[in-house]
Amino acid sequence: MQVLGQVVLQKAALKHADAANAIAVWRVSVTAAKWSNLVELKADIPSADYVRPFTIFNIRGNTYRLIAVVDYAEQIVVVRDFLTHAEYDKGAWK
């Protein structure tokens, strides 16, 4: 998969230094993936959730949430936002 939205990830790693390593691991994992559908994605990352039209990834346990749009046909993951769990719970990202 190609990961778009690298700026969001870079800013998140700077703002949340405790998540920088987990973000890097996520990026490597997703870049290596070739998912055809949500079932395949969840086989690799079971904690991922789908909240139409977004796929939500837990980062660093459940401390952060990475919100992305996954286009399986084009093999692209577009990172939309990176939030703390508390920010995510407020729901403004929807």
PDB file of N, CA and C in Angstrom:
ATOM      1  N   MET A   1       0.846  -1.177   0.000  1.00  0.00           N
ATOM      2  CA  MET A   1       0.000   0.000   0.000  1.00  0.00           C
ATOM      3  C   MET A   1       0.893   1.242   0.000  1.00  0.00           C
ATOM      4  N   GLN A   2       0.431   2.243  -0.687  1.00  0.00           N
ATOM      5  CA  GLN A   2       1.115   3.527  -0.654  1.00  0.00           C
ATOM      6  C   GLN A   2       0.449   4.370   0.432  1.00  0.00           C
ATOM      7  N   VAL A   3       1.250   4.987   1.277  1.00  0.00           N
ATOM      8  CA  VAL A   3       0.721   5.812   2.365  1.00  0.00           C
ATOM      9  C   VAL A   3       0.819   7.282   1.968  1.00  0.00           C
ATOM     10  N   LEU A   4      -0.323   7.934   1.875  1.00  0.00           N
ATOM     11  CA  LEU A   4      -0.380   9.364   1.621  1.00  0.00           C
ATOM     12  C   LEU A   4      -0.747  10.058   2.924  1.00  0.00           C
ATOM     13  N   GLY A   5      -0.291  11.284   3.082  1.00  0.00           N
ATOM     14  CA  GLY A   5      -0.546  12.011   4.317  1.00  0.00           C
ATOM     15  C   GLY A   5       0.628  11.912   5.275  1.00  0.00           C
ATOM     16  N   GLN A   6       1.812  11.812   4.705  1.00  0.00           N
ATOM     17  CA  GLN A   6       3.022  11.686   5.519  1.00  0.00           C
ATOM     18  C   GLN A   6       3.198  12.879   6.461  1.00  0.00           C
ATOM     19  N   VAL A   7       2.748  14.050   6.033  1.00  0.00           N
ATOM     20  CA  VAL A   7       2.877  15.251   6.868  1.00  0.00           C
ATOM     21  C   VAL A   7       2.106  15.075   8.173  1.00  0.00           C
ATOM     22  N   VAL A   8       0.933  14.476   8.096  1.00  0.00           N
ATOM     23  CA  VAL A   8       0.139  14.226   9.305  1.00  0.00           C
ATOM     24  C   VAL A   8       0.928  13.321  10.253  1.00  0.00           C
ATOM     25  N   LEU A   9       1.558  12.294   9.709  1.00  0.00           N
ATOM     26  CA  LEU A   9       2.338  11.368  10.536  1.00  0.00           C
ATOM     27  C   LEU A   9       3.569  12.046  11.131  1.00  0.00           C
ATOM     28  N   GLN A  10       4.229  12.869  10.338  1.00  0.00           N
ATOM     29  CA  GLN A  10       5.413  13.582  10.836  1.00  0.00           C
ATOM     30  C   GLN A  10       5.043  14.538  11.969  1.00  0.00           C
ATOM     31  N   LYS A  11       3.968  15.278  11.791  1.00  0.00           N
ATOM     32  CA  LYS A  11       3.521  16.205  12.833  1.00  0.00           C
ATOM     33  C   LYS A  11       3.110  15.452  14.091  1.00  0.00           C
ATOM     34  N   ALA A  12       2.443  14.323  13.917  1.00  0.00           N
ATOM     35  CA  ALA A  12       2.022  13.518  15.063  1.00  0.00           C
ATOM     36  C   ALA A  12       3.227  12.995  15.833  1.00  0.00           C
ATOM     37  N   ALA A  13       4.249  12.548  15.119  1.00  0.00           N
ATOM     38  CA  ALA A  13       5.450  12.027  15.776  1.00  0.00           C
ATOM     39  C   ALA A  13       6.177  13.123  16.550  1.00  0.00           C
ATOM     40  N   LEU A  14       6.151  14.334  16.042  1.00  0.00           N
ATOM     41  CA  LEU A  14       6.778  15.455  16.758  1.00  0.00           C
ATOM     42  C   LEU A  14       5.958  15.871  17.975  1.00  0.00           C
ATOM     43  N   LYS A  15       4.648  15.926  17.799  1.00  0.00           N
ATOM     44  CA  LYS A  15       3.766  16.363  18.880  1.00  0.00           C
ATOM     45  C   LYS A  15       3.650  15.309  19.982  1.00  0.00           C
ATOM     46  N   HIS A  16       3.642  14.043  19.583  1.00  0.00           N
ATOM     47  CA  HIS A  16       3.467  12.934  20.529  1.00  0.00           C
ATOM     48  C   HIS A  16       4.695  12.024  20.430  1.00  0.00           C
ATOM     49  N   ALA A  17       5.784  12.469  21.015  1.00  0.00           N
ATOM     50  CA  ALA A  17       7.052  11.744  20.909  1.00  0.00           C
ATOM     51  C   ALA A  17       6.936  10.300  21.382  1.00  0.00           C
ATOM     52  N   ASP A  18       6.053  10.044  22.341  1.00  0.00           N
ATOM     53  CA  ASP A  18       5.878   8.676  22.833  1.00  0.00           C
ATOM     54  C   ASP A  18       5.259   7.746  21.794  1.00  0.00           C
ATOM     55  N   ALA A  19       4.698   8.319  20.734  1.00  0.00           N
ATOM     56  CA  ALA A  19       4.078   7.518  19.682  1.00  0.00           C
ATOM     57  C   ALA A  19       4.944   7.417  18.435  1.00  0.00           C
ATOM     58  N   ALA A  20       6.073   8.099  18.397  1.00  0.00           N
ATOM     59  CA  ALA A  20       6.892   8.156  17.180  1.00  0.00           C
ATOM     60  C   ALA A  20       7.298   6.768  16.685  1.00  0.00           C
ATOM     61  N   ASN A  21       7.741   5.912  17.582  1.00  0.00           N
ATOM     62  CA  ASN A  21       8.159   4.573  17.171  1.00  0.00           C
ATOM     63  C   ASN A  21       6.967   3.763  16.657  1.00  0.00           C
ATOM     64  N   ALA A  22       5.845   3.847  17.339  1.00  0.00           N
ATOM     65  CA  ALA A  22       4.649   3.115  16.917  1.00  0.00           C
ATOM     66  C   ALA A  22       4.155   3.601  15.559  1.00  0.00           C
ATOM     67  N   ILE A  23       4.263   4.893  15.295  1.00  0.00           N
ATOM     68  CA  ILE A  23       3.882   5.444  13.992  1.00  0.00           C
ATOM     69  C   ILE A  23       4.796   4.872  12.909  1.00  0.00           C
ATOM     70  N   ALA A  24       6.093   4.820  13.194  1.00  0.00           N
ATOM     71  CA  ALA A  24       7.059   4.276  12.225  1.00  0.00           C
ATOM     72  C   ALA A  24       6.768   2.805  11.937  1.00  0.00           C
ATOM     73  N   VAL A  25       6.468   2.051  12.969  1.00  0.00           N
ATOM     74  CA  VAL A  25       6.149   0.625  12.789  1.00  0.00           C
ATOM     75  C   VAL A  25       4.873   0.476  11.969  1.00  0.00           C
ATOM     76  N   TRP A  26       3.857   1.288  12.256  1.00  0.00           N
ATOM     77  CA  TRP A  26       2.607   1.252  11.489  1.00  0.00           C
ATOM     78  C   TRP A  26       2.882   1.546  10.018  1.00  0.00           C
ATOM     79  N   ARG A  27       3.669   2.580   9.760  1.00  0.00           N
ATOM     80  CA  ARG A  27       3.971   2.982   8.388  1.00  0.00           C
ATOM     81  C   ARG A  27       4.662   1.848   7.621  1.00  0.00           C
ATOM     82  N   VAL A  28       5.638   1.203   8.244  1.00  0.00           N
ATOM     83  CA  VAL A  28       6.351   0.096   7.591  1.00  0.00           C
ATOM     84  C   VAL A  28       5.390  -1.059   7.311  1.00  0.00           C
ATOM     85  N   SER A  29       4.558  -1.378   8.287  1.00  0.00           N
ATOM     86  CA  SER A  29       3.607  -2.473   8.141  1.00  0.00           C
ATOM     87  C   SER A  29       2.611  -2.215   7.016  1.00  0.00           C
ATOM     88  N   VAL A  30       2.065  -1.017   6.995  1.00  0.00           N
ATOM     89  CA  VAL A  30       1.066  -0.679   5.976  1.00  0.00           C
ATOM     90  C   VAL A  30       1.698  -0.593   4.590  1.00  0.00           C
ATOM     91  N   THR A  31       2.887  -0.044   4.507  1.00  0.00           N
ATOM     92  CA  THR A  31       3.573   0.061   3.217  1.00  0.00           C
ATOM     93  C   THR A  31       3.842  -1.324   2.623  1.00  0.00           C
ATOM     94  N   ALA A  32       4.111  -2.296   3.465  1.00  0.00           N
ATOM     95  CA  ALA A  32       4.394  -3.657   3.000  1.00  0.00           C
ATOM     96  C   ALA A  32       3.129  -4.441   2.661  1.00  0.00           C
ATOM     97  N   ALA A  33       1.986  -3.974   3.117  1.00  0.00           N
ATOM     98  CA  ALA A  33       0.732  -4.711   2.946  1.00  0.00           C
ATOM     99  C   ALA A  33       0.194  -4.614   1.525  1.00  0.00           C
ATOM    100  N   LYS A  34      -0.599  -5.629   1.162  1.00  0.00           N
ATOM    101  CA  LYS A  34      -1.305  -5.650  -0.120  1.00  0.00           C
ATOM    102  C   LYS A  34      -2.713  -6.166   0.128  1.00  0.00           C
ATOM    103  N   TRP A  35      -3.485  -5.388   0.878  1.00  0.00           N
ATOM    104  CA  TRP A  35      -4.826  -5.810   1.229  1.00  0.00           C
ATOM    105  C   TRP A  35      -5.789  -5.619   0.067  1.00  0.00           C
ATOM    106  N   SER A  36      -6.713  -6.566  -0.056  1.00  0.00           N
ATOM    107  CA  SER A  36      -7.765  -6.462  -1.066  1.00  0.00           C
ATOM    108  C   SER A  36      -9.094  -6.026  -0.460  1.00  0.00           C
ATOM    109  N   ASN A  37      -9.196  -6.143   0.871  1.00  0.00           N
ATOM    110  CA  ASN A  37     -10.457  -5.814   1.539  1.00  0.00           C
ATOM    111  C   ASN A  37     -10.222  -5.679   3.037  1.00  0.00           C
ATOM    112  N   LEU A  38     -11.273  -5.305   3.748  1.00  0.00           N
ATOM    113  CA  LEU A  38     -11.177  -5.093   5.185  1.00  0.00           C
ATOM    114  C   LEU A  38     -10.844  -6.380   5.935  1.00  0.00           C
ATOM    115  N   VAL A  39     -11.332  -7.504   5.463  1.00  0.00           N
ATOM    116  CA  VAL A  39     -11.046  -8.787   6.119  1.00  0.00           C
ATOM    117  C   VAL A  39      -9.540  -9.048   6.120  1.00  0.00           C
ATOM    118  N   GLU A  40      -8.886  -8.803   4.998  1.00  0.00           N
ATOM    119  CA  GLU A  40      -7.430  -8.992   4.920  1.00  0.00           C
ATOM    120  C   GLU A  40      -6.697  -7.988   5.807  1.00  0.00           C
ATOM    121  N   LEU A  41      -7.152  -6.748   5.828  1.00  0.00           N
ATOM    122  CA  LEU A  41      -6.539  -5.744   6.693  1.00  0.00           C
ATOM    123  C   LEU A  41      -6.637  -6.179   8.149  1.00  0.00           C
ATOM    124  N   LYS A  42      -7.837  -6.619   8.561  1.00  0.00           N
ATOM    125  CA  LYS A  42      -8.037  -7.012   9.954  1.00  0.00           C
ATOM    126  C   LYS A  42      -7.276  -8.289  10.310  1.00  0.00           C
ATOM    127  N   ALA A  43      -6.949  -9.099   9.323  1.00  0.00           N
ATOM    128  CA  ALA A  43      -6.118 -10.276   9.589  1.00  0.00           C
ATOM    129  C   ALA A  43      -4.716  -9.845  10.004  1.00  0.00           C
ATOM    130  N   ASP A  44      -4.234  -8.744   9.421  1.00  0.00           N
ATOM    131  CA  ASP A  44      -2.917  -8.192   9.766  1.00  0.00           C
ATOM    132  C   ASP A  44      -2.976  -7.298  10.998  1.00  0.00           C
ATOM    133  N   ILE A  45      -4.041  -6.507  11.096  1.00  0.00           N
ATOM    134  CA  ILE A  45      -4.185  -5.532  12.188  1.00  0.00           C
ATOM    135  C   ILE A  45      -5.573  -5.715  12.802  1.00  0.00           C
ATOM    136  N   PRO A  46      -5.708  -6.693  13.693  1.00  0.00           N
ATOM    137  CA  PRO A  46      -7.037  -7.022  14.244  1.00  0.00           C
ATOM    138  C   PRO A  46      -7.724  -5.883  14.994  1.00  0.00           C
ATOM    139  N   SER A  47      -6.965  -4.948  15.536  1.00  0.00           N
ATOM    140  CA  SER A  47      -7.572  -3.861  16.306  1.00  0.00           C
ATOM    141  C   SER A  47      -8.146  -2.754  15.424  1.00  0.00           C
ATOM    142  N   ALA A  48      -7.922  -2.809  14.116  1.00  0.00           N
ATOM    143  CA  ALA A  48      -8.456  -1.787  13.212  1.00  0.00           C
ATOM    144  C   ALA A  48      -9.984  -1.886  13.177  1.00  0.00           C
ATOM    145  N   ASP A  49     -10.621  -0.741  13.078  1.00  0.00           N
ATOM    146  CA  ASP A  49     -12.082  -0.677  12.990  1.00  0.00           C
ATOM    147  C   ASP A  49     -12.470   0.119  11.761  1.00  0.00           C
ATOM    148  N   TYR A  50     -13.639  -0.181  11.233  1.00  0.00           N
ATOM    149  CA  TYR A  50     -14.166   0.559  10.088  1.00  0.00           C
ATOM    150  C   TYR A  50     -15.361   1.380  10.551  1.00  0.00           C
ATOM    151  N   VAL A  51     -15.246   2.696  10.396  1.00  0.00           N
ATOM    152  CA  VAL A  51     -16.336   3.627  10.687  1.00  0.00           C
ATOM    153  C   VAL A  51     -16.511   4.424   9.402  1.00  0.00           C
ATOM    154  N   ARG A  52     -17.454   3.989   8.602  1.00  0.00           N
ATOM    155  CA  ARG A  52     -17.635   4.497   7.253  1.00  0.00           C
ATOM    156  C   ARG A  52     -17.444   5.989   7.140  1.00  0.00           C
ATOM    157  N   PRO A  53     -16.616   6.473   6.272  1.00  0.00           N
ATOM    158  CA  PRO A  53     -15.779   5.804   5.291  1.00  0.00           C
ATOM    159  C   PRO A  53     -14.333   5.595   5.758  1.00  0.00           C
ATOM    160  N   PHE A  54     -14.111   5.677   7.064  1.00  0.00           N
ATOM    161  CA  PHE A  54     -12.750   5.657   7.596  1.00  0.00           C
ATOM    162  C   PHE A  54     -12.375   4.312   8.203  1.00  0.00           C
ATOM    163  N   THR A  55     -11.091   4.034   8.167  1.00  0.00           N
ATOM    164  CA  THR A  55     -10.526   2.923   8.914  1.00  0.00           C
ATOM    165  C   THR A  55      -9.751   3.540  10.069  1.00  0.00           C
ATOM    166  N   ILE A  56     -10.008   3.054  11.262  1.00  0.00           N
ATOM    167  CA  ILE A  56      -9.407   3.594  12.475  1.00  0.00           C
ATOM    168  C   ILE A  56      -8.372   2.595  12.978  1.00  0.00           C
ATOM    169  N   PHE A  57      -7.152   3.059  13.148  1.00  0.00           N
ATOM    170  CA  PHE A  57      -6.068   2.222  13.646  1.00  0.00           C
ATOM    171  C   PHE A  57      -5.697   2.678  15.053  1.00  0.00           C
ATOM    172  N   ASN A  58      -5.584   1.731  15.965  1.00  0.00           N
ATOM    173  CA  ASN A  58      -5.089   2.032  17.307  1.00  0.00           C
ATOM    174  C   ASN A  58      -3.575   2.106  17.236  1.00  0.00           C
ATOM    175  N   ILE A  59      -3.014   3.156  17.786  1.00  0.00           N
ATOM    176  CA  ILE A  59      -1.565   3.345  17.806  1.00  0.00           C
ATOM    177  C   ILE A  59      -1.114   3.397  19.264  1.00  0.00           C
ATOM    178  N   ARG A  60      -0.030   2.708  19.525  1.00  0.00           N
ATOM    179  CA  ARG A  60       0.537   2.612  20.871  1.00  0.00           C
ATOM    180  C   ARG A  60      -0.512   2.103  21.854  1.00  0.00           C
ATOM    181  N   GLY A  61      -0.896   0.876  21.576  1.00  0.00           N
ATOM    182  CA  GLY A  61      -1.971   0.294  22.380  1.00  0.00           C
ATOM    183  C   GLY A  61      -3.270   0.935  21.968  1.00  0.00           C
ATOM    184  N   ASN A  62      -3.873   1.612  22.863  1.00  0.00           N
ATOM    185  CA  ASN A  62      -5.121   2.306  22.560  1.00  0.00           C
ATOM    186  C   ASN A  62      -5.002   3.778  22.944  1.00  0.00           C
ATOM    187  N   THR A  63      -3.767   4.278  23.002  1.00  0.00           N
ATOM    188  CA  THR A  63      -3.522   5.652  23.428  1.00  0.00           C
ATOM    189  C   THR A  63      -3.882   6.653  22.338  1.00  0.00           C
ATOM    190  N   TYR A  64      -3.613   6.283  21.079  1.00  0.00           N
ATOM    191  CA  TYR A  64      -3.850   7.185  19.949  1.00  0.00           C
ATOM    192  C   TYR A  64      -4.681   6.476  18.890  1.00  0.00           C
ATOM    193  N   ARG A  65      -5.320   7.286  18.060  1.00  0.00           N
ATOM    194  CA  ARG A  65      -6.112   6.769  16.944  1.00  0.00           C
ATOM    195  C   ARG A  65      -5.651   7.446  15.663  1.00  0.00           C
ATOM    196  N   LEU A  66      -5.345   6.626  14.682  1.00  0.00           N
ATOM    197  CA  LEU A  66      -4.963   7.114  13.363  1.00  0.00           C
ATOM    198  C   LEU A  66      -6.166   6.875  12.458  1.00  0.00           C
ATOM    199  N   ILE A  67      -6.638   7.939  11.843  1.00  0.00           N
ATOM    200  CA  ILE A  67      -7.833   7.876  11.007  1.00  0.00           C
ATOM    201  C   ILE A  67      -7.396   7.980   9.553  1.00  0.00           C
ATOM    202  N   ALA A  68      -7.824   7.001   8.753  1.00  0.00           N
ATOM    203  CA  ALA A  68      -7.390   6.952   7.357  1.00  0.00           C
ATOM    204  C   ALA A  68      -8.523   6.456   6.463  1.00  0.00           C
ATOM    205  N   VAL A  69      -8.353   6.716   5.192  1.00  0.00           N
ATOM    206  CA  VAL A  69      -9.229   6.151   4.172  1.00  0.00           C
ATOM    207  C   VAL A  69      -8.385   5.143   3.406  1.00  0.00           C
ATOM    208  N   VAL A  70      -8.884   3.928   3.296  1.00  0.00           N
ATOM    209  CA  VAL A  70      -8.152   2.880   2.596  1.00  0.00           C
ATOM    210  C   VAL A  70      -8.849   2.618   1.265  1.00  0.00           C
ATOM    211  N   ASP A  71      -8.101   2.765   0.189  1.00  0.00           N
ATOM    212  CA  ASP A  71      -8.601   2.460  -1.150  1.00  0.00           C
ATOM    213  C   ASP A  71      -7.927   1.164  -1.586  1.00  0.00           C
ATOM    214  N   TYR A  72      -8.647   0.071  -1.449  1.00  0.00           N
ATOM    215  CA  TYR A  72      -8.075  -1.243  -1.741  1.00  0.00           C
ATOM    216  C   TYR A  72      -7.764  -1.414  -3.227  1.00  0.00           C
ATOM    217  N   ALA A  73      -8.619  -0.899  -4.092  1.00  0.00           N
ATOM    218  CA  ALA A  73      -8.410  -1.039  -5.534  1.00  0.00           C
ATOM    219  C   ALA A  73      -7.145  -0.320  -5.993  1.00  0.00           C
ATOM    220  N   GLU A  74      -6.912   0.869  -5.444  1.00  0.00           N
ATOM    221  CA  GLU A  74      -5.744   1.662  -5.828  1.00  0.00           C
ATOM    222  C   GLU A  74      -4.525   1.378  -4.958  1.00  0.00           C
ATOM    223  N   GLN A  75      -4.712   0.593  -3.887  1.00  0.00           N
ATOM    224  CA  GLN A  75      -3.630   0.254  -2.957  1.00  0.00           C
ATOM    225  C   GLN A  75      -3.043   1.509  -2.300  1.00  0.00           C
ATOM    226  N   ILE A  76      -3.954   2.364  -1.826  1.00  0.00           N
ATOM    227  CA  ILE A  76      -3.559   3.633  -1.201  1.00  0.00           C
ATOM    228  C   ILE A  76      -4.227   3.745   0.169  1.00  0.00           C
ATOM    229  N   VAL A  77      -3.467   4.228   1.141  1.00  0.00           N
ATOM    230  CA  VAL A  77      -3.999   4.584   2.450  1.00  0.00           C
ATOM    231  C   VAL A  77      -3.750   6.082   2.623  1.00  0.00           C
ATOM    232  N   VAL A  78      -4.813   6.840   2.791  1.00  0.00           N
ATOM    233  CA  VAL A  78      -4.710   8.282   2.965  1.00  0.00           C
ATOM    234  C   VAL A  78      -4.926   8.596   4.446  1.00  0.00           C
ATOM    235  N   VAL A  79      -3.881   9.069   5.108  1.00  0.00           N
ATOM    236  CA  VAL A  79      -3.968   9.408   6.520  1.00  0.00           C
ATOM    237  C   VAL A  79      -4.691  10.742   6.645  1.00  0.00           C
ATOM    238  N   ARG A  80      -5.774  10.735   7.390  1.00  0.00           N
ATOM    239  CA  ARG A  80      -6.577  11.953   7.543  1.00  0.00           C
ATOM    240  C   ARG A  80      -6.245  12.690   8.837  1.00  0.00           C
ATOM    241  N   ASP A  81      -6.076  11.923   9.942  1.00  0.00           N
ATOM    242  CA  ASP A  81      -5.871  12.572  11.227  1.00  0.00           C
ATOM    243  C   ASP A  81      -5.192  11.619  12.194  1.00  0.00           C
ATOM    244  N   PHE A  82      -4.593  12.179  13.213  1.00  0.00           N
ATOM    245  CA  PHE A  82      -3.965  11.434  14.299  1.00  0.00           C
ATOM    246  C   PHE A  82      -4.397  12.099  15.588  1.00  0.00           C
ATOM    247  N   LEU A  83      -5.128  11.356  16.422  1.00  0.00           N
ATOM    248  CA  LEU A  83      -5.743  11.934  17.611  1.00  0.00           C
ATOM    249  C   LEU A  83      -5.406  11.126  18.852  1.00  0.00           C
ATOM    250  N   THR A  84      -5.467  11.796  19.996  1.00  0.00           N
ATOM    251  CA  THR A  84      -5.424  11.055  21.244  1.00  0.00           C
ATOM    252  C   THR A  84      -6.763  10.329  21.355  1.00  0.00           C
ATOM    253  N   HIS A  85      -6.809   9.345  22.228  1.00  0.00           N
ATOM    254  CA  HIS A  85      -8.062   8.619  22.420  1.00  0.00           C
ATOM    255  C   HIS A  85      -9.164   9.576  22.883  1.00  0.00           C
ATOM    256  N   ALA A  86      -8.826  10.502  23.767  1.00  0.00           N
ATOM    257  CA  ALA A  86      -9.816  11.468  24.267  1.00  0.00           C
ATOM    258  C   ALA A  86     -10.334  12.359  23.142  1.00  0.00           C
ATOM    259  N   GLU A  87      -9.458  12.831  22.262  1.00  0.00           N
ATOM    260  CA  GLU A  87      -9.883  13.648  21.119  1.00  0.00           C
ATOM    261  C   GLU A  87     -10.795  12.847  20.198  1.00  0.00           C
ATOM    262  N   TYR A  88     -10.423  11.605  19.977  1.00  0.00           N
ATOM    263  CA  TYR A  88     -11.228  10.716  19.123  1.00  0.00           C
ATOM    264  C   TYR A  88     -12.641  10.551  19.695  1.00  0.00           C
ATOM    265  N   ASP A  89     -12.716  10.336  21.000  1.00  0.00           N
ATOM    266  CA  ASP A  89     -14.012  10.124  21.645  1.00  0.00           C
ATOM    267  C   ASP A  89     -14.950  11.315  21.513  1.00  0.00           C
ATOM    268  N   LYS A  90     -14.404  12.513  21.337  1.00  0.00           N
ATOM    269  CA  LYS A  90     -15.247  13.699  21.169  1.00  0.00           C
ATOM    270  C   LYS A  90     -16.006  13.672  19.847  1.00  0.00           C
ATOM    271  N   GLY A  91     -15.490  12.919  18.865  1.00  0.00           N
ATOM    272  CA  GLY A  91     -16.201  12.698  17.616  1.00  0.00           C
ATOM    273  C   GLY A  91     -16.133  13.786  16.572  1.00  0.00           C
ATOM    274  N   ALA A  92     -15.345  14.824  16.781  1.00  0.00           N
ATOM    275  CA  ALA A  92     -15.273  15.924  15.809  1.00  0.00           C
ATOM    276  C   ALA A  92     -14.663  15.484  14.476  1.00  0.00           C
ATOM    277  N   TRP A  93     -13.971  14.358  14.456  1.00  0.00           N
ATOM    278  CA  TRP A  93     -13.309  13.867  13.240  1.00  0.00           C
ATOM    279  C   TRP A  93     -14.300  13.286  12.224  1.00  0.00           C
ATOM    280  N   LYS A  94     -15.531  12.978  12.669  1.00  0.00           N
ATOM    281  CA  LYS A  94     -16.512  12.313  11.796  1.00  0.00           C
ATOM    282  C   LYS A  94     -17.015  13.236  10.716  1.00  0.00           C
TER     283      LYS A  94
END
